[in-house]
N, C-alpha and C. Protein backbone atom coordinates (compact mmCIF):
# COMPACT_ATOMS: atom_id res chain seq x y z
N MET A 1 93.70 161.93 140.01
CA MET A 1 92.71 161.73 140.98
C MET A 1 93.16 161.12 142.63
N LYS A 2 92.68 161.50 143.58
CA LYS A 2 93.23 160.90 144.55
C LYS A 2 92.08 160.18 145.29
N TYR A 3 92.80 158.51 144.65
CA TYR A 3 91.46 157.92 144.96
C TYR A 3 91.23 157.91 146.95
N VAL A 4 92.23 158.04 147.48
CA VAL A 4 92.13 157.57 149.27
C VAL A 4 90.83 158.83 149.77
N SER A 5 90.89 160.00 149.12
CA SER A 5 90.01 160.74 149.54
C SER A 5 88.40 160.55 149.02
N LEU A 6 88.34 159.42 148.26
CA LEU A 6 87.10 159.50 147.98
C LEU A 6 86.40 158.43 148.96
N SER A 7 84.73 158.73 148.60
CA SER A 7 83.86 158.34 149.88
C SER A 7 84.20 156.20 149.32
N ILE A 8 84.14 155.53 150.30
CA ILE A 8 83.86 154.34 149.90
C ILE A 8 83.15 153.77 148.64
N LYS A 9 82.15 154.06 148.55
CA LYS A 9 81.08 153.88 147.13
C LYS A 9 81.76 154.75 145.75
N LYS A 10 82.45 155.87 146.04
CA LYS A 10 82.78 156.54 144.73
C LYS A 10 84.40 155.55 144.44
N TYR A 11 84.93 155.25 145.41
CA TYR A 11 86.17 154.47 145.21
C TYR A 11 85.92 153.04 144.61
N PHE A 12 84.95 152.42 145.00
CA PHE A 12 84.44 151.13 144.03
C PHE A 12 83.71 151.41 142.75
N GLY A 13 83.24 152.76 142.61
CA GLY A 13 82.78 152.65 141.64
C GLY A 13 84.02 153.12 140.23
N GLU A 14 84.92 153.63 141.09
CA GLU A 14 85.92 153.69 139.98
C GLU A 14 86.88 152.46 139.80
N LEU A 15 86.77 151.57 140.91
CA LEU A 15 87.59 150.45 140.79
C LEU A 15 87.07 149.32 139.90
N LYS A 16 85.39 149.29 139.70
CA LYS A 16 84.73 148.54 138.72
C LYS A 16 85.07 148.74 137.45
N LYS A 17 85.01 150.23 136.87
CA LYS A 17 85.17 150.50 135.79
C LYS A 17 86.20 149.66 134.88
N ASN A 18 85.75 149.90 133.61
CA ASN A 18 87.00 149.23 132.49
C ASN A 18 88.03 150.23 132.08
N THR A 19 88.43 150.59 133.16
CA THR A 19 89.90 151.19 133.01
C THR A 19 90.89 150.91 133.39
N PRO A 20 92.27 151.30 133.36
CA PRO A 20 93.51 150.89 133.96
C PRO A 20 93.74 150.47 135.41
N ALA A 21 93.17 151.83 136.04
CA ALA A 21 93.77 152.17 137.23
C ALA A 21 92.19 153.02 137.86
N PRO A 22 92.11 152.59 139.39
CA PRO A 22 92.58 151.32 140.22
C PRO A 22 92.59 150.26 139.77
N GLY A 23 93.56 149.45 140.28
CA GLY A 23 93.30 148.13 140.23
C GLY A 23 93.70 147.31 141.13
N GLY A 24 94.30 145.96 141.18
CA GLY A 24 94.37 144.96 141.95
C GLY A 24 95.31 145.77 143.01
N GLY A 25 96.73 146.65 142.90
CA GLY A 25 97.68 146.69 143.68
C GLY A 25 97.08 147.82 144.43
N SER A 26 96.16 148.62 144.05
CA SER A 26 95.24 149.81 145.11
C SER A 26 94.40 149.15 145.89
N ALA A 27 93.45 147.97 145.06
CA ALA A 27 92.79 147.41 146.46
C ALA A 27 93.42 146.51 146.95
N ALA A 28 94.43 146.15 146.96
CA ALA A 28 95.46 145.64 148.04
C ALA A 28 96.08 146.55 149.46
N ALA A 29 96.54 147.58 148.78
CA ALA A 29 96.50 148.67 149.85
C ALA A 29 95.26 149.05 150.58
N LEU A 30 94.24 149.24 149.90
CA LEU A 30 92.97 149.45 150.47
C LEU A 30 92.74 148.31 151.73
N SER A 31 93.20 147.07 151.29
CA SER A 31 92.83 145.87 152.30
C SER A 31 93.70 146.04 153.38
N ALA A 32 95.20 146.55 152.96
CA ALA A 32 95.90 147.12 154.12
C ALA A 32 95.38 147.81 155.18
N ALA A 33 94.93 149.06 154.61
CA ALA A 33 94.78 149.97 154.98
C ALA A 33 93.32 149.44 156.32
N GLN A 34 92.73 148.96 155.73
CA GLN A 34 91.30 148.29 156.56
C GLN A 34 91.96 147.48 157.87
N GLY A 35 92.74 147.09 157.37
CA GLY A 35 93.24 145.86 158.50
C GLY A 35 94.01 146.40 159.48
N ALA A 36 94.82 147.32 159.08
CA ALA A 36 95.53 148.43 159.94
C ALA A 36 94.60 149.33 160.87
N ALA A 37 93.45 150.02 160.07
CA ALA A 37 92.52 150.97 160.93
C ALA A 37 91.69 149.92 162.07
N LEU A 38 91.34 148.73 161.77
CA LEU A 38 90.61 148.09 162.48
C LEU A 38 91.21 147.18 163.65
N LEU A 39 92.77 146.75 163.50
CA LEU A 39 93.42 146.66 164.78
C LEU A 39 93.83 147.61 165.55
N LEU A 40 94.13 148.90 164.94
CA LEU A 40 94.23 150.50 165.80
C LEU A 40 92.83 150.72 166.51
N MET A 41 91.96 150.14 166.48
CA MET A 41 90.74 150.59 166.95
C MET A 41 90.74 149.46 168.31
N ALA A 42 91.38 148.57 167.79
CA ALA A 42 91.26 147.12 168.93
C ALA A 42 92.53 147.92 169.92
N ALA A 43 93.30 148.01 169.37
CA ALA A 43 94.56 148.86 170.36
C ALA A 43 93.91 149.89 171.40
N ASN A 44 93.11 150.84 170.62
CA ASN A 44 92.92 152.10 171.20
C ASN A 44 91.82 151.59 172.48
N TYR A 45 91.18 150.28 172.35
CA TYR A 45 90.50 149.56 173.31
C TYR A 45 90.95 149.15 174.22
N THR A 46 92.47 148.88 174.03
CA THR A 46 93.02 148.25 175.27
C THR A 46 93.45 149.06 176.24
N ARG A 47 92.90 148.75 177.58
CA ARG A 47 93.81 149.63 178.74
C ARG A 47 95.03 149.35 178.88
N GLY A 48 95.45 150.49 179.51
CA GLY A 48 96.47 150.53 180.18
C GLY A 48 97.80 151.83 179.24
N ASP A 49 98.71 152.37 179.47
CA ASP A 49 99.66 152.79 179.07
C ASP A 49 100.97 152.26 179.13
N SER A 50 101.11 150.99 178.85
CA SER A 50 102.44 150.03 178.75
C SER A 50 103.32 150.58 177.56
N SER A 51 104.53 150.48 177.57
CA SER A 51 105.43 150.92 176.30
C SER A 51 104.87 149.85 175.14
N VAL A 52 104.90 148.51 175.77
CA VAL A 52 104.16 147.78 174.25
C VAL A 52 102.76 148.32 173.76
N VAL A 53 101.92 148.84 174.22
CA VAL A 53 100.42 149.21 173.70
C VAL A 53 100.82 150.32 173.25
N LYS A 54 101.71 151.32 173.73
CA LYS A 54 102.02 152.64 172.63
C LYS A 54 102.78 152.26 171.75
N ARG A 55 103.85 151.41 171.55
CA ARG A 55 104.18 150.88 170.43
C ARG A 55 103.57 150.50 169.16
N LEU A 56 102.77 149.52 169.53
CA LEU A 56 101.86 149.01 168.90
C LEU A 56 100.38 149.79 168.53
N LYS A 57 100.46 150.97 169.05
CA LYS A 57 99.67 151.76 168.27
C LYS A 57 100.19 152.82 167.71
N ARG A 58 101.56 153.09 167.63
CA ARG A 58 102.86 153.64 166.89
C ARG A 58 102.63 153.04 165.41
N VAL A 59 102.82 151.69 165.89
CA VAL A 59 103.44 150.76 164.54
C VAL A 59 101.96 150.75 163.64
N LEU A 60 100.77 150.31 164.10
CA LEU A 60 99.73 150.25 163.46
C LEU A 60 99.56 151.73 163.16
N SER A 61 99.43 153.10 163.48
CA SER A 61 98.86 154.34 162.67
C SER A 61 99.93 154.34 161.63
N ALA A 62 101.32 153.96 161.90
CA ALA A 62 102.45 153.73 160.76
C ALA A 62 102.33 153.25 159.31
N CYS A 63 101.34 151.88 159.47
CA CYS A 63 101.01 150.72 158.72
C CYS A 63 99.98 151.95 158.08
N LEU A 64 98.85 152.25 158.92
CA LEU A 64 97.77 152.51 158.01
C LEU A 64 98.20 154.27 157.03
N ILE A 65 99.14 154.76 157.63
CA ILE A 65 99.39 155.78 156.87
C ILE A 65 99.91 155.55 155.57
N LYS A 66 101.25 154.22 155.35
CA LYS A 66 101.69 153.82 154.64
C LYS A 66 100.54 153.21 153.25
N ALA A 67 99.88 152.69 154.14
CA ALA A 67 98.67 151.80 153.19
C ALA A 67 97.61 152.93 152.59
N GLU A 68 97.41 153.87 153.33
CA GLU A 68 96.56 155.32 152.06
C GLU A 68 97.59 155.14 151.32
N ARG A 69 99.11 155.69 151.49
CA ARG A 69 99.62 156.54 150.38
C ARG A 69 99.39 155.32 149.37
N PHE A 70 99.86 154.22 149.45
CA PHE A 70 99.84 153.08 148.36
C PHE A 70 98.48 153.18 147.59
N ILE A 71 97.55 153.13 148.13
CA ILE A 71 96.37 153.23 147.58
C ILE A 71 96.17 154.14 146.04
N ASP A 72 96.70 155.49 145.98
CA ASP A 72 96.97 156.15 145.15
C ASP A 72 98.29 155.98 144.46
N GLU A 73 99.44 155.84 145.24
CA GLU A 73 100.69 155.34 144.29
C GLU A 73 100.97 154.36 143.30
N ASP A 74 100.23 153.20 143.94
CA ASP A 74 99.85 152.05 143.08
C ASP A 74 99.30 152.57 141.82
N ALA A 75 98.27 153.50 141.93
CA ALA A 75 97.48 153.63 140.36
C ALA A 75 98.36 154.39 139.62
N GLU A 76 98.65 156.03 140.35
CA GLU A 76 99.86 156.49 139.21
C GLU A 76 101.21 155.50 138.86
N ALA A 77 101.76 154.76 139.45
CA ALA A 77 102.76 154.11 139.38
C ALA A 77 102.07 153.23 137.79
N TYR A 78 101.05 152.80 137.95
CA TYR A 78 100.62 151.69 136.77
C TYR A 78 100.41 152.71 135.32
N LEU A 79 99.88 153.88 135.60
CA LEU A 79 99.28 154.34 134.66
C LEU A 79 100.66 154.80 134.22
N LYS A 80 101.63 155.62 134.72
CA LYS A 80 102.82 155.73 133.90
C LYS A 80 103.41 154.56 133.37
N LEU A 81 103.43 153.41 133.50
CA LEU A 81 103.97 152.49 133.36
C LEU A 81 103.12 152.18 131.66
N ARG A 82 101.68 152.30 131.52
CA ARG A 82 101.15 152.18 130.60
C ARG A 82 101.42 153.09 129.40
N ARG A 83 101.69 154.40 130.04
CA ARG A 83 102.10 155.36 128.91
C ARG A 83 103.58 155.16 128.26
N SER A 84 104.19 154.64 129.10
CA SER A 84 105.56 154.44 128.72
C SER A 84 105.88 153.68 127.38
N PHE A 85 104.99 152.57 127.36
CA PHE A 85 104.79 151.85 126.26
C PHE A 85 104.31 152.17 125.30
N GLU A 86 103.67 153.73 125.28
CA GLU A 86 103.36 154.28 123.80
C GLU A 86 104.46 155.19 123.27
N ILE A 87 105.80 155.13 123.82
CA ILE A 87 106.93 155.48 123.72
C ILE A 87 107.16 154.77 122.27
N PRO A 88 107.92 155.78 121.07
CA PRO A 88 108.28 155.13 120.14
C PRO A 88 109.22 154.02 119.99
N LYS A 89 109.07 153.49 119.62
CA LYS A 89 110.02 151.95 119.66
C LYS A 89 111.41 152.48 118.96
N LYS A 90 111.49 153.35 118.19
CA LYS A 90 112.65 154.12 117.78
C LYS A 90 113.64 154.63 118.49
N ASN A 91 113.05 155.31 119.77
CA ASN A 91 113.35 155.95 120.49
C ASN A 91 114.26 155.19 121.74
N ARG A 92 115.72 155.69 121.39
CA ARG A 92 116.93 154.96 122.32
C ARG A 92 116.21 154.67 123.75
N SER A 93 115.57 155.78 124.71
CA SER A 93 115.28 155.60 126.09
C SER A 93 114.22 154.86 126.21
N ARG A 94 113.48 154.37 125.07
CA ARG A 94 112.09 153.40 125.45
C ARG A 94 112.65 152.82 126.51
N GLU A 95 113.25 151.40 126.06
CA GLU A 95 113.49 150.36 127.32
C GLU A 95 113.53 150.74 128.75
N SER A 96 114.74 151.72 128.50
CA SER A 96 115.28 152.06 129.83
C SER A 96 114.53 152.82 130.26
N VAL A 97 113.29 153.57 130.04
CA VAL A 97 112.20 154.32 130.53
C VAL A 97 110.96 153.26 131.33
N ILE A 98 110.94 152.17 130.24
CA ILE A 98 109.83 151.24 130.49
C ILE A 98 110.30 150.32 131.56
N GLN A 99 111.66 149.77 131.71
CA GLN A 99 112.35 149.20 132.81
C GLN A 99 112.19 149.94 134.04
N SER A 100 112.11 151.19 134.25
CA SER A 100 112.30 152.10 135.39
C SER A 100 110.89 151.92 135.80
N TYR A 101 109.74 152.11 135.19
CA TYR A 101 108.42 152.09 135.51
C TYR A 101 108.08 150.64 136.09
N LEU A 102 108.87 149.51 135.76
CA LEU A 102 108.38 148.68 135.76
C LEU A 102 108.86 148.26 137.40
N LYS A 103 110.22 148.89 137.55
CA LYS A 103 110.83 149.01 139.11
C LYS A 103 109.97 149.34 140.38
N ARG A 104 109.88 150.41 139.56
CA ARG A 104 108.17 151.27 140.30
C ARG A 104 107.68 150.63 140.56
N SER A 105 106.57 149.96 139.59
CA SER A 105 105.58 149.35 139.88
C SER A 105 105.40 148.00 140.71
N ALA A 106 106.93 147.45 140.86
CA ALA A 106 106.96 146.49 141.56
C ALA A 106 107.38 146.67 143.03
N SER A 107 107.70 148.22 143.56
CA SER A 107 108.24 148.31 144.79
C SER A 107 107.19 148.91 145.38
N ILE A 108 106.01 149.46 144.88
CA ILE A 108 104.68 149.83 145.74
C ILE A 108 104.32 148.56 146.11
N PRO A 109 103.72 147.36 145.46
CA PRO A 109 102.89 146.36 145.99
C PRO A 109 104.04 145.67 147.14
N PHE A 110 105.21 145.89 146.76
CA PHE A 110 106.36 145.53 147.29
C PHE A 110 106.32 145.83 149.05
N GLY A 111 106.06 147.46 149.02
CA GLY A 111 105.90 147.89 150.25
C GLY A 111 104.84 147.58 150.96
N VAL A 112 103.51 147.29 150.07
CA VAL A 112 102.13 146.82 150.72
C VAL A 112 102.27 145.60 151.34
N CYS A 113 103.22 144.50 150.87
CA CYS A 113 103.61 143.32 151.76
C CYS A 113 104.32 143.83 153.01
N VAL A 114 105.45 144.53 152.68
CA VAL A 114 105.74 144.74 154.16
C VAL A 114 105.34 145.39 155.15
N THR A 115 103.80 146.57 154.47
CA THR A 115 102.97 147.08 155.46
C THR A 115 102.20 146.32 156.45
N ALA A 116 101.84 145.11 155.42
CA ALA A 116 100.70 143.98 155.90
C ALA A 116 101.44 143.06 156.48
N LEU A 117 102.60 142.46 156.61
CA LEU A 117 103.33 142.04 157.65
C LEU A 117 103.19 142.46 158.53
N ASP A 118 104.02 143.66 159.08
CA ASP A 118 104.03 144.62 159.78
C ASP A 118 102.74 144.57 160.75
N THR A 119 101.47 144.79 159.92
CA THR A 119 100.06 144.82 160.74
C THR A 119 100.04 143.60 161.08
N ALA A 120 100.37 142.20 160.68
CA ALA A 120 99.86 141.06 160.87
C ALA A 120 100.84 140.91 162.34
N ARG A 121 102.14 141.27 162.28
CA ARG A 121 102.82 141.33 163.63
C ARG A 121 102.20 142.00 164.96
N ALA A 122 101.81 143.00 164.33
CA ALA A 122 101.20 144.02 165.54
C ALA A 122 99.53 143.11 165.88
N ALA A 123 99.10 142.40 164.86
CA ALA A 123 97.83 141.86 165.44
C ALA A 123 98.08 140.58 166.29
N GLU A 124 99.37 139.79 165.87
CA GLU A 124 99.43 138.80 166.79
C GLU A 124 99.65 139.08 168.25
N LEU A 125 100.48 140.35 168.48
CA LEU A 125 100.68 140.49 169.85
C LEU A 125 99.33 141.24 170.45
N LEU A 126 98.51 141.58 169.50
CA LEU A 126 97.43 142.34 169.79
C LEU A 126 96.30 141.16 170.46
N SER A 127 96.55 140.24 170.13
CA SER A 127 95.59 138.80 170.22
C SER A 127 96.01 138.25 171.57
N ARG A 128 97.17 138.85 172.23
CA ARG A 128 97.39 138.10 173.44
C ARG A 128 96.93 139.27 174.06
N LEU A 129 97.34 140.57 174.08
CA LEU A 129 97.21 141.48 175.17
C LEU A 129 96.34 142.68 175.46
N GLY A 130 95.69 142.57 173.75
CA GLY A 130 94.68 143.37 173.76
C GLY A 130 93.33 143.15 174.01
N ASN A 131 92.32 143.89 174.30
CA ASN A 131 91.07 144.06 174.94
C ASN A 131 90.41 142.45 174.37
N LYS A 132 89.91 141.73 175.25
CA LYS A 132 89.32 140.47 174.54
C LYS A 132 88.16 140.65 174.01
N ASN A 133 87.37 141.77 174.30
CA ASN A 133 86.12 142.04 173.63
C ASN A 133 86.47 142.54 172.44
N LEU A 134 87.48 142.73 171.74
CA LEU A 134 87.73 143.05 170.72
C LEU A 134 88.40 141.93 169.70
N ILE A 135 88.43 140.56 170.30
CA ILE A 135 89.18 139.73 169.49
C ILE A 135 88.88 139.04 168.30
N THR A 136 87.59 139.75 168.35
CA THR A 136 87.25 139.56 166.60
C THR A 136 87.51 140.47 165.81
N ASP A 137 87.76 141.37 165.96
CA ASP A 137 88.33 142.64 165.17
C ASP A 137 89.49 142.35 164.94
N VAL A 138 90.76 142.00 166.05
CA VAL A 138 91.81 141.51 165.77
C VAL A 138 92.01 140.50 164.57
N GLY A 139 90.94 139.38 165.17
CA GLY A 139 90.85 138.24 163.71
C GLY A 139 90.62 138.97 162.37
N GLY A 140 89.52 139.74 161.93
CA GLY A 140 89.22 140.66 161.10
C GLY A 140 90.41 141.40 160.65
N GLY A 141 90.91 141.93 161.59
CA GLY A 141 92.20 142.83 161.02
C GLY A 141 93.37 142.03 160.16
N ILE A 142 93.50 141.06 161.02
CA ILE A 142 94.91 139.98 160.48
C ILE A 142 94.27 139.51 159.41
N ILE A 143 93.07 139.09 159.16
CA ILE A 143 92.37 138.41 157.83
C ILE A 143 92.68 139.29 156.58
N ALA A 144 92.36 140.54 157.06
CA ALA A 144 92.58 141.80 155.93
C ALA A 144 94.21 141.89 155.58
N ALA A 145 94.51 142.04 156.39
CA ALA A 145 96.27 142.10 155.97
C ALA A 145 96.95 141.03 155.34
N ASP A 146 96.61 139.66 156.00
CA ASP A 146 96.59 138.40 154.95
C ASP A 146 96.72 138.87 153.28
N ALA A 147 95.29 139.16 153.05
CA ALA A 147 94.29 139.26 152.20
C ALA A 147 95.30 140.45 151.18
N ALA A 148 95.67 141.25 151.83
CA ALA A 148 96.60 142.38 151.47
C ALA A 148 97.70 141.87 150.86
N PHE A 149 98.27 141.37 151.83
CA PHE A 149 99.96 140.75 151.27
C PHE A 149 99.50 140.15 150.27
N ASN A 150 98.82 139.16 150.34
CA ASN A 150 98.99 137.88 149.22
C ASN A 150 98.27 138.69 147.85
N ALA A 151 97.59 139.56 147.90
CA ALA A 151 97.15 140.19 146.56
C ALA A 151 98.31 141.19 145.82
N ALA A 152 99.02 142.07 146.76
CA ALA A 152 100.41 142.60 146.51
C ALA A 152 101.46 141.80 145.93
N ARG A 153 101.56 140.78 146.54
CA ARG A 153 102.64 139.65 146.29
C ARG A 153 102.31 139.49 144.70
N LEU A 154 101.21 138.91 144.43
CA LEU A 154 101.02 139.11 142.52
C LEU A 154 101.47 140.11 141.92
N ASN A 155 100.88 141.36 142.36
CA ASN A 155 101.19 142.47 141.87
C ASN A 155 103.01 142.67 141.43
N VAL A 156 103.66 142.17 142.55
CA VAL A 156 104.98 142.47 142.02
C VAL A 156 105.34 141.15 141.26
N LEU A 157 104.81 140.07 141.80
CA LEU A 157 105.33 138.85 140.58
C LEU A 157 105.01 139.01 139.14
N VAL A 158 103.78 139.95 138.74
CA VAL A 158 103.50 140.17 137.32
C VAL A 158 104.42 140.88 136.96
N ASN A 159 105.12 142.03 137.47
CA ASN A 159 105.75 143.15 137.21
C ASN A 159 107.24 142.52 136.86
N LEU A 160 108.15 141.38 138.09
CA LEU A 160 109.08 141.01 137.83
C LEU A 160 109.23 139.79 136.90
N LYS A 161 107.96 139.68 136.28
CA LYS A 161 108.32 138.62 134.81
C LYS A 161 108.85 139.31 133.87
N PHE A 162 108.72 141.08 133.76
CA PHE A 162 109.19 141.63 132.45
C PHE A 162 110.43 142.89 133.01
N ILE A 163 111.01 142.76 134.38
CA ILE A 163 112.17 143.36 134.75
C ILE A 163 113.40 142.14 134.52
N LYS A 164 114.38 143.00 133.93
CA LYS A 164 115.49 142.56 133.01
C LYS A 164 116.77 142.40 133.89
N ASP A 165 116.38 142.79 135.16
CA ASP A 165 117.81 143.08 136.31
C ASP A 165 117.75 141.90 136.73
N PRO A 166 117.80 140.55 136.49
CA PRO A 166 118.19 139.46 137.07
C PRO A 166 118.46 139.22 138.75
N VAL A 167 119.40 140.07 139.36
CA VAL A 167 120.01 140.13 140.64
C VAL A 167 118.59 141.23 141.49
N LEU A 168 117.96 141.67 140.79
CA LEU A 168 116.95 142.23 141.62
C LEU A 168 115.71 141.42 141.68
N VAL A 169 115.52 140.72 140.50
CA VAL A 169 114.24 139.95 140.32
C VAL A 169 114.56 138.68 141.67
N LYS A 170 115.91 138.13 141.49
CA LYS A 170 116.08 137.32 142.64
C LYS A 170 116.11 137.76 143.84
N LYS A 171 116.62 139.09 144.34
CA LYS A 171 116.23 139.47 145.43
C LYS A 171 114.92 139.70 145.90
N TYR A 172 114.15 139.98 145.25
CA TYR A 172 112.25 140.23 145.18
C TYR A 172 111.70 138.92 145.74
N ASN A 173 112.31 137.83 144.95
CA ASN A 173 111.72 136.72 145.13
C ASN A 173 112.23 136.05 146.57
N LYS A 174 113.16 136.10 146.48
CA LYS A 174 113.65 135.93 147.71
C LYS A 174 112.99 136.37 149.18
N ASN A 175 113.29 137.95 149.24
CA ASN A 175 112.24 138.21 150.33
C ASN A 175 110.91 138.34 150.12
N LEU A 176 110.07 137.98 148.69
CA LEU A 176 108.73 137.47 149.32
C LEU A 176 108.72 136.54 149.71
N ASN A 177 109.60 135.54 149.14
CA ASN A 177 109.06 133.98 150.01
C ASN A 177 109.71 134.01 151.36
N LYS A 178 110.42 134.46 151.81
CA LYS A 178 110.81 134.70 153.02
C LYS A 178 109.42 135.10 153.73
N MET A 179 109.00 136.00 153.18
CA MET A 179 108.16 137.21 154.14
C MET A 179 106.41 136.16 153.78
N ALA A 180 106.56 135.56 153.02
CA ALA A 180 105.18 134.56 152.71
C ALA A 180 105.43 133.46 153.93
N VAL A 181 106.45 132.97 154.09
CA VAL A 181 106.43 131.58 155.35
C VAL A 181 106.41 132.83 156.53
N SER A 182 106.53 133.73 156.86
CA SER A 182 106.40 134.46 158.28
C SER A 182 104.82 134.78 158.36
N MET A 183 104.27 135.23 157.20
CA MET A 183 102.99 135.79 157.08
C MET A 183 102.38 134.52 157.68
N SER A 184 102.40 133.68 156.83
CA SER A 184 101.55 132.64 157.21
C SER A 184 101.71 131.77 158.40
N MET A 185 102.96 131.90 159.32
CA MET A 185 103.08 131.42 160.85
C MET A 185 102.57 132.55 161.48
N ILE A 186 102.46 133.71 161.10
CA ILE A 186 101.93 134.78 162.17
C ILE A 186 100.55 134.55 161.80
N MET A 187 99.85 134.38 160.90
CA MET A 187 98.31 134.10 160.65
C MET A 187 97.78 133.12 161.51
N ASN A 188 98.30 132.05 161.38
CA ASN A 188 98.09 130.70 162.17
C ASN A 188 98.20 130.39 163.65
N LYS A 189 99.26 131.48 163.98
CA LYS A 189 99.44 131.33 165.35
C LYS A 189 98.28 132.47 166.09
N THR A 190 98.23 133.76 165.19
CA THR A 190 97.23 134.65 165.60
C THR A 190 95.94 133.99 165.59
N MET A 191 95.31 133.23 164.22
CA MET A 191 93.86 132.88 164.40
C MET A 191 93.78 131.78 165.53
N LYS A 192 94.38 130.77 165.51
CA LYS A 192 94.76 130.17 166.74
C LYS A 192 94.19 130.66 167.95
N THR A 193 94.73 131.77 168.38
CA THR A 193 94.64 132.69 169.14
C THR A 193 93.37 133.11 169.69
N VAL A 194 92.79 133.50 168.67
CA VAL A 194 91.40 133.77 168.24
C VAL A 194 90.38 133.17 168.75
N TYR A 195 90.64 131.69 168.11
CA TYR A 195 89.31 131.22 168.02
C TYR A 195 89.23 130.39 169.64
N LEU A 196 90.59 130.14 169.85
CA LEU A 196 90.59 130.12 171.65
C LEU A 196 89.97 130.79 172.58
N LYS A 197 90.05 131.60 171.88
CA LYS A 197 89.42 132.76 172.89
C LYS A 197 87.99 133.05 172.95
N LEU A 198 87.77 132.63 171.64
CA LEU A 198 85.98 132.80 171.22
C LEU A 198 85.47 131.36 171.48
N SER A 199 85.80 130.40 172.30
CA SER A 199 85.87 128.92 172.41
C SER A 199 85.13 129.23 174.06
């Protein structure tokens, strides 16, 4: 099923079901897509054809496309991971297959984290250069991106618990921690600008 093609109501209907997918990773991607789309609207209302505005629109358009793709990819990866646990334990390839799907299941929410952070960076710039009448949309956009980042980060971490490649796990943790610091700084800076323009 292509969840990204469903209406919002139908997607929520699928999300609330007592079924394995879609779940938290797909929902995180949806939040990232929402943030990128909202910020893109604010960018489209920003007058001028400067190279900065054009670049902002390109970045946000790319973030939206990626986030939409992750909505489905996360659900598909999780279902494949679940099925891999059904492989008979006597099968010699079982563990390698499981590890492969665990890595895939970690890589997708990590991609959501990267996309959310790129979206937040665009929001920070838009909070300073964008149409002031759309400042609440900029604030809403980065809040959605921040929620997406933190939700997706949890989904990376839960897979890392079972990945048996210590080098890869260490790399993921290092990158996630570094990105979390950046996200927090960008979020605080952007919201400070948003509230200042609302005062």
